[in-house]
């Protein structure tokens, strides 16, 4: 846990330890990087507003190193810092929570990033996803709404599957493009918006499961 506010450190430490996690708390980016060098954590809760090296710089260094790039990072940020959120996600942060925050929400996000890390992608890719009246069958490349098949393009299907596998997680347009087409695919951010509009229309009432996070990107409703 990295934050320069002692009361937040104590709050987060208390709730995570209560859930069975062992927590190390530091107050600066420099201390965080030094601590990680001596012991690789399972996950990091990282405040963006830090003295000295800020959270974005710390995130960049962690994700830029082969030894630490796989460590899940949950960013803590003040509301309204959309640009920082986007930058952090693009640097490789796995999720974010805005201040003031609910300890229960933060705990849920930490659990989620740890599940993702431990589960890996292979088996999960083939699991059927069922939410409300929507069913996604990756193995059969099939989507049903209210039991009726819905025809999607290959790109629409990949976007829907990508978002639905991580309910509650916010993804930038660049992340979506990289995930469904590859990092070097020549697609504009605007094209992602067009795909989302089409997806929502084809999914009918279930289209509301795809939420717009203003200034950041999209997420699948939890």
C-alpha atoms as a PDB file:
ATOM      1  CA  UNK A   1       0.000   0.000   0.000  1.00  0.00           C
ATOM      2  CA  UNK A   2       1.468   3.346  -1.091  1.00  0.00           C
ATOM      3  CA  UNK A   3      -0.078   6.578   0.219  1.00  0.00           C
ATOM      4  CA  UNK A   4       1.243   9.631   2.031  1.00  0.00           C
ATOM      5  CA  UNK A   5      -1.892  10.027   4.185  1.00  0.00           C
ATOM      6  CA  UNK A   6      -1.487   8.069   7.397  1.00  0.00           C
ATOM      7  CA  UNK A   7      -5.219   7.708   8.056  1.00  0.00           C
ATOM      8  CA  UNK A   8      -5.772   6.158   4.614  1.00  0.00           C
ATOM      9  CA  UNK A   9      -2.854   3.775   5.139  1.00  0.00           C
ATOM     10  CA  UNK A  10      -4.338   2.658   8.442  1.00  0.00           C
ATOM     11  CA  UNK A  11      -7.836   2.281   6.968  1.00  0.00           C
ATOM     12  CA  UNK A  12      -6.688   0.202   4.014  1.00  0.00           C
ATOM     13  CA  UNK A  13      -4.260  -1.858   6.106  1.00  0.00           C
ATOM     14  CA  UNK A  14      -6.982  -2.668   8.648  1.00  0.00           C
ATOM     15  CA  UNK A  15      -9.480  -3.824   6.011  1.00  0.00           C
ATOM     16  CA  UNK A  16      -7.011  -5.849   3.967  1.00  0.00           C
ATOM     17  CA  UNK A  17      -5.536  -7.554   7.038  1.00  0.00           C
ATOM     18  CA  UNK A  18      -9.041  -8.303   8.252  1.00  0.00           C
ATOM     19  CA  UNK A  19      -9.541 -10.182   4.974  1.00  0.00           C
ATOM     20  CA  UNK A  20      -6.379 -12.205   5.528  1.00  0.00           C
ATOM     21  CA  UNK A  21      -3.816 -10.234   3.526  1.00  0.00           C
ATOM     22  CA  UNK A  22      -0.378  -9.269   4.804  1.00  0.00           C
ATOM     23  CA  UNK A  23       0.088  -5.556   4.163  1.00  0.00           C
ATOM     24  CA  UNK A  24       3.213  -3.420   3.893  1.00  0.00           C
ATOM     25  CA  UNK A  25       2.629   0.343   3.974  1.00  0.00           C
ATOM     26  CA  UNK A  26       4.932   3.057   2.629  1.00  0.00           C
ATOM     27  CA  UNK A  27       4.419   6.793   2.165  1.00  0.00           C
ATOM     28  CA  UNK A  28       6.482   7.674  -0.929  1.00  0.00           C
ATOM     29  CA  UNK A  29       7.169   6.405  -4.409  1.00  0.00           C
ATOM     30  CA  UNK A  30      10.851   5.987  -3.631  1.00  0.00           C
ATOM     31  CA  UNK A  31      10.047   3.818  -0.608  1.00  0.00           C
ATOM     32  CA  UNK A  32       7.667   1.741  -2.723  1.00  0.00           C
ATOM     33  CA  UNK A  33      10.295   0.990  -5.372  1.00  0.00           C
ATOM     34  CA  UNK A  34      12.895   0.189  -2.718  1.00  0.00           C
ATOM     35  CA  UNK A  35      10.501  -2.160  -0.904  1.00  0.00           C
ATOM     36  CA  UNK A  36       9.573  -3.957  -4.123  1.00  0.00           C
ATOM     37  CA  UNK A  37      13.237  -4.601  -4.874  1.00  0.00           C
ATOM     38  CA  UNK A  38      13.583  -6.564  -1.638  1.00  0.00           C
ATOM     39  CA  UNK A  39      10.223  -8.386  -1.753  1.00  0.00           C
ATOM     40  CA  UNK A  40       7.851  -8.708  -4.733  1.00  0.00           C
ATOM     41  CA  UNK A  41       4.250  -8.133  -3.552  1.00  0.00           C
ATOM     42  CA  UNK A  42       1.199  -9.972  -4.909  1.00  0.00           C
ATOM     43  CA  UNK A  43      -0.502  -6.630  -5.649  1.00  0.00           C
ATOM     44  CA  UNK A  44      -0.032  -2.902  -5.085  1.00  0.00           C
ATOM     45  CA  UNK A  45      -2.548  -0.250  -4.066  1.00  0.00           C
ATOM     46  CA  UNK A  46      -0.968   2.952  -5.352  1.00  0.00           C
ATOM     47  CA  UNK A  47      -1.965   6.547  -4.652  1.00  0.00           C
ATOM     48  CA  UNK A  48      -1.273   8.875  -7.582  1.00  0.00           C
ATOM     49  CA  UNK A  49      -0.589  12.033  -5.563  1.00  0.00           C
ATOM     50  CA  UNK A  50       2.670  11.294  -3.774  1.00  0.00           C
ATOM     51  CA  UNK A  51       5.593  13.460  -2.639  1.00  0.00           C
ATOM     52  CA  UNK A  52       8.689  13.076  -4.806  1.00  0.00           C
ATOM     53  CA  UNK A  53       7.982  10.482  -7.475  1.00  0.00           C
ATOM     54  CA  UNK A  54       4.253  10.490  -8.136  1.00  0.00           C
ATOM     55  CA  UNK A  55       2.129   7.387  -8.587  1.00  0.00           C
ATOM     56  CA  UNK A  56       2.207   7.517 -12.387  1.00  0.00           C
ATOM     57  CA  UNK A  57       6.005   7.528 -12.371  1.00  0.00           C
ATOM     58  CA  UNK A  58       6.052   4.613  -9.944  1.00  0.00           C
ATOM     59  CA  UNK A  59       3.536   2.729 -12.086  1.00  0.00           C
ATOM     60  CA  UNK A  60       5.629   3.370 -15.198  1.00  0.00           C
ATOM     61  CA  UNK A  61       8.774   1.961 -13.545  1.00  0.00           C
ATOM     62  CA  UNK A  62       7.010  -1.094 -12.131  1.00  0.00           C
ATOM     63  CA  UNK A  63       5.292  -1.994 -15.400  1.00  0.00           C
ATOM     64  CA  UNK A  64       8.425  -1.168 -17.392  1.00  0.00           C
ATOM     65  CA  UNK A  65      10.584  -3.713 -15.575  1.00  0.00           C
ATOM     66  CA  UNK A  66      10.508  -7.364 -16.587  1.00  0.00           C
ATOM     67  CA  UNK A  67      10.881  -8.405 -12.940  1.00  0.00           C
ATOM     68  CA  UNK A  68       7.845  -6.452 -11.717  1.00  0.00           C
ATOM     69  CA  UNK A  69       5.592  -5.909 -14.751  1.00  0.00           C
ATOM     70  CA  UNK A  70       3.214  -8.727 -13.741  1.00  0.00           C
ATOM     71  CA  UNK A  71       2.387  -7.165 -10.352  1.00  0.00           C
ATOM     72  CA  UNK A  72      -1.272  -6.015 -10.405  1.00  0.00           C
ATOM     73  CA  UNK A  73      -1.697  -2.322  -9.574  1.00  0.00           C
ATOM     74  CA  UNK A  74      -4.890  -0.704  -8.270  1.00  0.00           C
ATOM     75  CA  UNK A  75      -4.603   3.085  -8.471  1.00  0.00           C
ATOM     76  CA  UNK A  76      -6.130   5.440  -5.919  1.00  0.00           C
ATOM     77  CA  UNK A  77      -7.051   8.812  -7.390  1.00  0.00           C
ATOM     78  CA  UNK A  78      -9.058  11.913  -6.547  1.00  0.00           C
ATOM     79  CA  UNK A  79     -12.264  12.402  -8.525  1.00  0.00           C
ATOM     80  CA  UNK A  80     -11.952  14.455 -11.669  1.00  0.00           C
ATOM     81  CA  UNK A  81      -8.425  13.328 -12.543  1.00  0.00           C
ATOM     82  CA  UNK A  82      -9.574  11.700 -15.790  1.00  0.00           C
ATOM     83  CA  UNK A  83      -6.292  12.368 -17.579  1.00  0.00           C
ATOM     84  CA  UNK A  84      -4.313  10.659 -14.810  1.00  0.00           C
ATOM     85  CA  UNK A  85      -6.680   7.676 -14.832  1.00  0.00           C
ATOM     86  CA  UNK A  86      -6.286   7.252 -18.585  1.00  0.00           C
ATOM     87  CA  UNK A  87      -2.501   7.610 -18.344  1.00  0.00           C
ATOM     88  CA  UNK A  88      -2.295   5.103 -15.511  1.00  0.00           C
ATOM     89  CA  UNK A  89      -4.387   2.510 -17.345  1.00  0.00           C
ATOM     90  CA  UNK A  90      -2.352   2.988 -20.489  1.00  0.00           C
ATOM     91  CA  UNK A  91       0.843   2.499 -18.461  1.00  0.00           C
ATOM     92  CA  UNK A  92      -0.499  -0.887 -17.421  1.00  0.00           C
ATOM     93  CA  UNK A  93      -2.367  -0.281 -14.149  1.00  0.00           C
ATOM     94  CA  UNK A  94      -5.040  -2.935 -13.714  1.00  0.00           C
ATOM     95  CA  UNK A  95      -7.828  -0.922 -12.094  1.00  0.00           C
ATOM     96  CA  UNK A  96      -8.543   2.269 -10.194  1.00  0.00           C
ATOM     97  CA  UNK A  97     -10.609   3.479  -7.247  1.00  0.00           C
ATOM     98  CA  UNK A  98     -11.543   7.122  -6.719  1.00  0.00           C
ATOM     99  CA  UNK A  99     -11.241   9.024  -3.444  1.00  0.00           C
ATOM    100  CA  UNK A 100     -13.179   9.217  -1.233  1.00  0.00           C
ATOM    101  CA  UNK A 101     -13.605   5.462  -1.506  1.00  0.00           C
ATOM    102  CA  UNK A 102     -15.426   2.583   0.141  1.00  0.00           C
ATOM    103  CA  UNK A 103     -13.035   0.085   1.784  1.00  0.00           C
ATOM    104  CA  UNK A 104     -15.369  -2.695   0.620  1.00  0.00           C
ATOM    105  CA  UNK A 105     -15.069  -1.546  -2.998  1.00  0.00           C
ATOM    106  CA  UNK A 106     -11.288  -1.328  -2.751  1.00  0.00           C
ATOM    107  CA  UNK A 107     -11.136  -4.781  -1.210  1.00  0.00           C
ATOM    108  CA  UNK A 108     -13.304  -6.169  -4.018  1.00  0.00           C
ATOM    109  CA  UNK A 109     -11.010  -4.620  -6.643  1.00  0.00           C
ATOM    110  CA  UNK A 110      -7.914  -6.081  -4.952  1.00  0.00           C
ATOM    111  CA  UNK A 111      -9.538  -9.512  -4.866  1.00  0.00           C
ATOM    112  CA  UNK A 112     -10.439  -9.164  -8.550  1.00  0.00           C
ATOM    113  CA  UNK A 113      -6.918  -8.289  -9.729  1.00  0.00           C
ATOM    114  CA  UNK A 114      -5.486 -11.153  -7.684  1.00  0.00           C
ATOM    115  CA  UNK A 115      -8.030 -13.596  -9.157  1.00  0.00           C
ATOM    116  CA  UNK A 116      -7.093 -12.409 -12.618  1.00  0.00           C
ATOM    117  CA  UNK A 117      -3.393 -12.872 -11.951  1.00  0.00           C
ATOM    118  CA  UNK A 118      -3.802 -16.325 -10.410  1.00  0.00           C
ATOM    119  CA  UNK A 119      -6.286 -17.592 -12.961  1.00  0.00           C
ATOM    120  CA  UNK A 120      -4.413 -16.655 -16.100  1.00  0.00           C
ATOM    121  CA  UNK A 121      -6.112 -16.319 -19.457  1.00  0.00           C
ATOM    122  CA  UNK A 122      -6.184 -19.778 -21.095  1.00  0.00           C
ATOM    123  CA  UNK A 123      -9.060 -21.583 -19.384  1.00  0.00           C
ATOM    124  CA  UNK A 124     -10.998 -18.396 -18.710  1.00  0.00           C
ATOM    125  CA  UNK A 125     -11.159 -17.550 -22.418  1.00  0.00           C
ATOM    126  CA  UNK A 126     -13.469 -20.519 -23.060  1.00  0.00           C
ATOM    127  CA  UNK A 127     -15.858 -20.050 -20.122  1.00  0.00           C
ATOM    128  CA  UNK A 128     -19.479 -19.202 -20.891  1.00  0.00           C
ATOM    129  CA  UNK A 129     -20.472 -15.762 -19.572  1.00  0.00           C
ATOM    130  CA  UNK A 130     -24.087 -15.324 -18.466  1.00  0.00           C
ATOM    131  CA  UNK A 131     -25.395 -11.988 -17.148  1.00  0.00           C
ATOM    132  CA  UNK A 132     -29.118 -11.368 -16.898  1.00  0.00           C
ATOM    133  CA  UNK A 133     -30.653 -12.134 -20.293  1.00  0.00           C
ATOM    134  CA  UNK A 134     -27.270 -12.124 -22.047  1.00  0.00           C
ATOM    135  CA  UNK A 135     -25.198 -15.261 -22.687  1.00  0.00           C
ATOM    136  CA  UNK A 136     -21.779 -15.295 -24.363  1.00  0.00           C
ATOM    137  CA  UNK A 137     -20.331 -18.628 -25.495  1.00  0.00           C
ATOM    138  CA  UNK A 138     -16.714 -18.037 -26.614  1.00  0.00           C
ATOM    139  CA  UNK A 139     -16.140 -21.632 -27.726  1.00  0.00           C
ATOM    140  CA  UNK A 140     -19.087 -21.452 -30.159  1.00  0.00           C
ATOM    141  CA  UNK A 141     -18.567 -17.758 -30.902  1.00  0.00           C
ATOM    142  CA  UNK A 142     -22.220 -17.281 -30.014  1.00  0.00           C
ATOM    143  CA  UNK A 143     -24.184 -14.535 -28.259  1.00  0.00           C
ATOM    144  CA  UNK A 144     -27.790 -14.940 -27.158  1.00  0.00           C
ATOM    145  CA  UNK A 145     -30.199 -12.359 -25.757  1.00  0.00           C
ATOM    146  CA  UNK A 146     -33.304 -13.783 -24.095  1.00  0.00           C
ATOM    147  CA  UNK A 147     -32.342 -17.144 -25.542  1.00  0.00           C
ATOM    148  CA  UNK A 148     -32.290 -15.854 -29.125  1.00  0.00           C
ATOM    149  CA  UNK A 149     -29.029 -15.757 -31.155  1.00  0.00           C
ATOM    150  CA  UNK A 150     -27.687 -12.269 -31.936  1.00  0.00           C
ATOM    151  CA  UNK A 151     -25.458 -11.723 -34.958  1.00  0.00           C
ATOM    152  CA  UNK A 152     -22.292  -9.770 -34.175  1.00  0.00           C
ATOM    153  CA  UNK A 153     -19.270  -9.001 -36.296  1.00  0.00           C
ATOM    154  CA  UNK A 154     -16.001 -10.628 -35.230  1.00  0.00           C
ATOM    155  CA  UNK A 155     -14.751  -7.328 -33.795  1.00  0.00           C
ATOM    156  CA  UNK A 156     -18.002  -6.675 -31.914  1.00  0.00           C
ATOM    157  CA  UNK A 157     -17.845 -10.160 -30.417  1.00  0.00           C
ATOM    158  CA  UNK A 158     -14.244  -9.713 -29.272  1.00  0.00           C
ATOM    159  CA  UNK A 159     -14.997  -6.325 -27.698  1.00  0.00           C
ATOM    160  CA  UNK A 160     -18.041  -7.713 -25.872  1.00  0.00           C
ATOM    161  CA  UNK A 161     -16.137 -10.738 -24.614  1.00  0.00           C
ATOM    162  CA  UNK A 162     -13.179  -8.600 -23.536  1.00  0.00           C
ATOM    163  CA  UNK A 163     -15.368  -6.265 -21.468  1.00  0.00           C
ATOM    164  CA  UNK A 164     -17.663  -8.978 -20.085  1.00  0.00           C
ATOM    165  CA  UNK A 165     -14.773 -11.081 -18.756  1.00  0.00           C
ATOM    166  CA  UNK A 166     -13.885  -8.231 -16.370  1.00  0.00           C
ATOM    167  CA  UNK A 167     -17.154  -6.808 -15.012  1.00  0.00           C
ATOM    168  CA  UNK A 168     -16.596  -3.507 -13.243  1.00  0.00           C
ATOM    169  CA  UNK A 169     -13.162  -2.970 -14.795  1.00  0.00           C
ATOM    170  CA  UNK A 170     -12.663   0.179 -16.828  1.00  0.00           C
ATOM    171  CA  UNK A 171     -10.773  -0.091 -20.103  1.00  0.00           C
ATOM    172  CA  UNK A 172      -9.509   2.761 -22.248  1.00  0.00           C
ATOM    173  CA  UNK A 173     -10.167   2.747 -25.985  1.00  0.00           C
ATOM    174  CA  UNK A 174      -6.487   2.041 -26.603  1.00  0.00           C
ATOM    175  CA  UNK A 175      -6.632  -0.995 -24.318  1.00  0.00           C
ATOM    176  CA  UNK A 176      -9.679  -2.290 -26.162  1.00  0.00           C
ATOM    177  CA  UNK A 177      -7.996  -1.803 -29.540  1.00  0.00           C
ATOM    178  CA  UNK A 178      -4.841  -3.592 -28.373  1.00  0.00           C
ATOM    179  CA  UNK A 179      -6.832  -6.480 -26.896  1.00  0.00           C
ATOM    180  CA  UNK A 180      -9.066  -7.182 -29.891  1.00  0.00           C
ATOM    181  CA  UNK A 181      -6.829  -6.218 -32.806  1.00  0.00           C
ATOM    182  CA  UNK A 182      -3.261  -6.151 -31.541  1.00  0.00           C
ATOM    183  CA  UNK A 183      -1.170  -3.180 -30.494  1.00  0.00           C
ATOM    184  CA  UNK A 184      -0.195  -2.143 -34.026  1.00  0.00           C
ATOM    185  CA  UNK A 185      -3.618  -2.415 -35.647  1.00  0.00           C
ATOM    186  CA  UNK A 186      -4.493   0.881 -37.388  1.00  0.00           C
ATOM    187  CA  UNK A 187      -7.795   1.648 -35.632  1.00  0.00           C
ATOM    188  CA  UNK A 188      -8.840   5.016 -34.253  1.00  0.00           C
ATOM    189  CA  UNK A 189     -10.423   5.572 -30.857  1.00  0.00           C
ATOM    190  CA  UNK A 190     -13.495   6.842 -32.681  1.00  0.00           C
ATOM    191  CA  UNK A 191     -13.944   3.438 -34.310  1.00  0.00           C
ATOM    192  CA  UNK A 192     -14.242   1.873 -30.854  1.00  0.00           C
ATOM    193  CA  UNK A 193     -17.117   4.248 -30.060  1.00  0.00           C
ATOM    194  CA  UNK A 194     -18.840   3.236 -33.299  1.00  0.00           C
ATOM    195  CA  UNK A 195     -18.463  -0.460 -32.429  1.00  0.00           C
ATOM    196  CA  UNK A 196     -19.901   0.133 -28.944  1.00  0.00           C
ATOM    197  CA  UNK A 197     -22.933   1.967 -30.387  1.00  0.00           C
ATOM    198  CA  UNK A 198     -23.564  -0.926 -32.763  1.00  0.00           C
ATOM    199  CA  UNK A 199     -23.122  -3.483 -29.971  1.00  0.00           C
ATOM    200  CA  UNK A 200     -25.613  -1.766 -27.698  1.00  0.00           C
ATOM    201  CA  UNK A 201     -28.164  -1.596 -30.495  1.00  0.00           C
ATOM    202  CA  UNK A 202     -27.835  -5.297 -31.331  1.00  0.00           C
ATOM    203  CA  UNK A 203     -28.024  -6.338 -27.663  1.00  0.00           C
ATOM    204  CA  UNK A 204     -31.247  -4.418 -27.033  1.00  0.00           C
ATOM    205  CA  UNK A 205     -31.976  -3.935 -23.332  1.00  0.00           C
ATOM    206  CA  UNK A 206     -28.799  -5.887 -22.491  1.00  0.00           C
ATOM    207  CA  UNK A 207     -26.828  -3.143 -24.238  1.00  0.00           C
ATOM    208  CA  UNK A 208     -27.137  -1.170 -20.994  1.00  0.00           C
ATOM    209  CA  UNK A 209     -24.604  -3.589 -19.490  1.00  0.00           C
ATOM    210  CA  UNK A 210     -21.909  -1.717 -21.408  1.00  0.00           C
ATOM    211  CA  UNK A 211     -21.322   1.517 -19.530  1.00  0.00           C
ATOM    212  CA  UNK A 212     -19.468   4.618 -20.677  1.00  0.00           C
ATOM    213  CA  UNK A 213     -16.992   6.010 -18.145  1.00  0.00           C
ATOM    214  CA  UNK A 214     -16.684   9.617 -19.156  1.00  0.00           C
ATOM    215  CA  UNK A 215     -13.164  10.695 -19.998  1.00  0.00           C
ATOM    216  CA  UNK A 216     -11.778   7.195 -19.598  1.00  0.00           C
ATOM    217  CA  UNK A 217     -13.451   4.479 -21.690  1.00  0.00           C
ATOM    218  CA  UNK A 218     -15.908   1.627 -21.152  1.00  0.00           C
ATOM    219  CA  UNK A 219     -16.762  -1.070 -18.646  1.00  0.00           C
ATOM    220  CA  UNK A 220     -19.167  -3.992 -18.328  1.00  0.00           C
ATOM    221  CA  UNK A 221     -21.626  -3.477 -15.482  1.00  0.00           C
ATOM    222  CA  UNK A 222     -20.928  -5.504 -12.337  1.00  0.00           C
END
